Every structure is written in C-alpha cells, then in structure tokens.
Amino acid sequence: MGAPGHRFEPSRAGNRLVMETNEGTEEAVATQGDEHHVVLSADTNGDGKPDVWMTDTTGDGKADLYQFDTTGDGQIDVTVVEGAEEPGTDRLVVDGDGGHPPQV
C-alpha cells in the first residue's frame, strides 16, 4: 500500500496498475510461521476499520495483494491475491466486499 495514487507493478502482468485511496493507516508485519497471520492491513477510507488486508495462510510470510476500483466509483470491487509461483497456485480473485477481518 502507500500514499494515494501509489503505483503497483504486478509480477506477472506487464501493465502498471493504480490504486487510489484516501489518507488512511497501514500496517505491515513480518510473520514467523504463524498460520492465518494478518500480514498487511489498511484503513483506506479513514473510518477506523481495516478495509484492505492480506492473511498469510501458509506460514511463509509471502503473498502479494492487489485491489482495484474497476468502475471508478471509489469502491474496491476486485481483489487479486497472488501466491507462490508454482503451478496451480497462481492467483485467487475475490469479487465484492468481504467485510472486515477479526481483530487480532
């Protein structure tokens, strides 16, 4: 994550993608083998609740999260999580709002 308008460059796609957010907070945590550990969370709209988060379910502390507003309405409507670079684990695409993660 980062400042509004921060540019992300996915490892497999050749296109540069832009995610614009409001001023908010973000937190990044290195994992040490804890399964289902929140690696990154961000409050993108300033309401005090995490709107974007990534969970490490393998315990290796690695994952890439990209979220996009594809309609231009200011709402995140597509989430792409890229996993290990092994056959069958390319990416997971989640559409819609998944709610908020549990407090950790």
Protein backbone atom coordinates (compact mmCIF):
# COMPACT_ATOMS: atom_id res chain seq x y z
CA MET A 1 0.00 0.00 0.00
CA GLY A 2 1.15 3.55 0.26
CA ALA A 3 0.18 7.10 -0.43
CA PRO A 4 -2.85 7.82 -2.61
CA GLY A 5 -2.05 7.18 -6.25
CA HIS A 6 0.83 4.82 -5.39
CA ARG A 7 1.63 2.64 -8.40
CA PHE A 8 1.89 -1.13 -8.14
CA GLU A 9 3.57 -3.32 -10.73
CA PRO A 10 2.32 -6.94 -10.56
CA SER A 11 4.97 -9.59 -11.17
CA ARG A 12 3.13 -11.41 -13.97
CA ALA A 13 1.20 -8.63 -15.69
CA GLY A 14 3.00 -6.16 -17.90
CA ASN A 15 0.60 -3.30 -17.16
CA ARG A 16 1.07 -0.77 -14.40
CA LEU A 17 -1.97 -0.55 -12.16
CA VAL A 18 -3.07 2.34 -9.99
CA MET A 19 -4.91 2.09 -6.68
CA GLU A 20 -6.09 5.38 -5.30
CA THR A 21 -7.06 5.64 -1.64
CA ASN A 22 -7.95 8.28 0.88
CA GLU A 23 -5.43 9.15 3.56
CA GLY A 24 -5.51 6.23 5.96
CA THR A 25 -3.36 3.99 8.07
CA GLU A 26 -1.47 0.89 7.09
CA GLU A 27 0.49 -1.75 8.94
CA ALA A 28 2.91 -4.38 7.67
CA VAL A 29 4.03 -7.26 9.86
CA ALA A 30 6.66 -9.92 9.16
CA THR A 31 5.48 -13.43 10.01
CA GLN A 32 7.48 -16.16 11.65
CA GLY A 33 5.47 -19.23 10.63
CA ASP A 34 2.19 -18.22 12.27
CA GLU A 35 -0.65 -19.53 10.14
CA HIS A 36 -3.52 -17.15 9.34
CA HIS A 37 -1.48 -14.15 10.48
CA VAL A 38 -2.54 -10.76 9.12
CA VAL A 39 0.48 -9.62 7.11
CA LEU A 40 -0.88 -6.25 5.97
CA SER A 41 -3.95 -4.21 6.78
CA ALA A 42 -5.02 -0.70 5.80
CA ASP A 43 -7.81 1.72 6.61
CA THR A 44 -8.28 3.27 3.17
CA ASN A 45 -11.31 5.45 3.91
CA GLY A 46 -10.36 6.76 7.36
CA ASP A 47 -13.28 5.21 9.28
CA GLY A 48 -11.01 3.40 11.76
CA LYS A 49 -11.77 -0.10 10.39
CA PRO A 50 -9.46 -2.12 8.12
CA ASP A 51 -10.76 -2.06 4.54
CA VAL A 52 -7.90 -3.98 2.95
CA TRP A 53 -5.99 -6.85 4.47
CA MET A 54 -3.85 -9.81 3.50
CA THR A 55 -3.53 -13.01 5.51
CA ASP A 56 -0.61 -15.45 5.35
CA THR A 57 -2.21 -18.91 5.47
CA THR A 58 0.94 -20.88 4.67
CA GLY A 59 3.21 -19.51 7.38
CA ASP A 60 5.94 -18.45 4.95
CA GLY A 61 5.15 -14.73 5.22
CA LYS A 62 4.77 -14.31 1.46
CA ALA A 63 1.82 -13.13 -0.63
CA ASP A 64 1.01 -10.23 -2.94
CA LEU A 65 -2.27 -8.33 -2.67
CA TYR A 66 -3.69 -6.02 -5.32
CA GLN A 67 -7.08 -4.30 -5.04
CA PHE A 68 -8.72 -2.31 -7.79
CA ASP A 69 -11.61 0.07 -8.35
CA THR A 70 -12.62 -1.05 -11.86
CA THR A 71 -15.76 1.09 -12.10
CA GLY A 72 -14.35 4.42 -10.90
CA ASP A 73 -16.92 4.79 -8.11
CA GLY A 74 -14.36 4.84 -5.30
CA GLN A 75 -15.24 1.33 -4.10
CA ILE A 76 -12.81 -1.58 -4.25
CA ASP A 77 -14.56 -4.22 -6.32
CA VAL A 78 -11.83 -6.66 -7.36
CA THR A 79 -9.16 -8.21 -5.15
CA VAL A 80 -6.34 -10.32 -6.57
CA VAL A 81 -4.05 -12.33 -4.31
CA GLU A 82 -1.01 -13.89 -5.95
CA GLY A 83 0.53 -16.84 -4.16
CA ALA A 84 3.64 -18.90 -4.64
CA GLU A 85 4.98 -19.10 -8.16
CA GLU A 86 4.19 -22.78 -8.54
CA PRO A 87 1.74 -24.45 -10.94
CA GLY A 88 -1.80 -24.35 -9.57
CA THR A 89 -1.15 -21.51 -7.11
CA ASP A 90 -1.07 -18.55 -9.49
CA ARG A 91 -3.70 -16.26 -8.07
CA LEU A 92 -7.03 -16.01 -6.30
CA VAL A 93 -9.51 -13.37 -7.43
CA VAL A 94 -12.20 -12.29 -4.97
CA ASP A 95 -15.03 -10.03 -6.15
CA GLY A 96 -17.03 -7.86 -3.78
CA ASP A 97 -16.74 -6.69 -0.18
CA GLY A 98 -15.63 -9.41 2.20
CA GLY A 99 -16.42 -7.42 5.35
CA HIS A 100 -13.80 -6.72 7.98
CA PRO A 101 -11.20 -9.12 9.38
CA PRO A 102 -11.38 -10.20 13.02
CA GLN A 103 -9.47 -8.06 15.48
CA VAL A 104 -6.01 -9.50 16.14
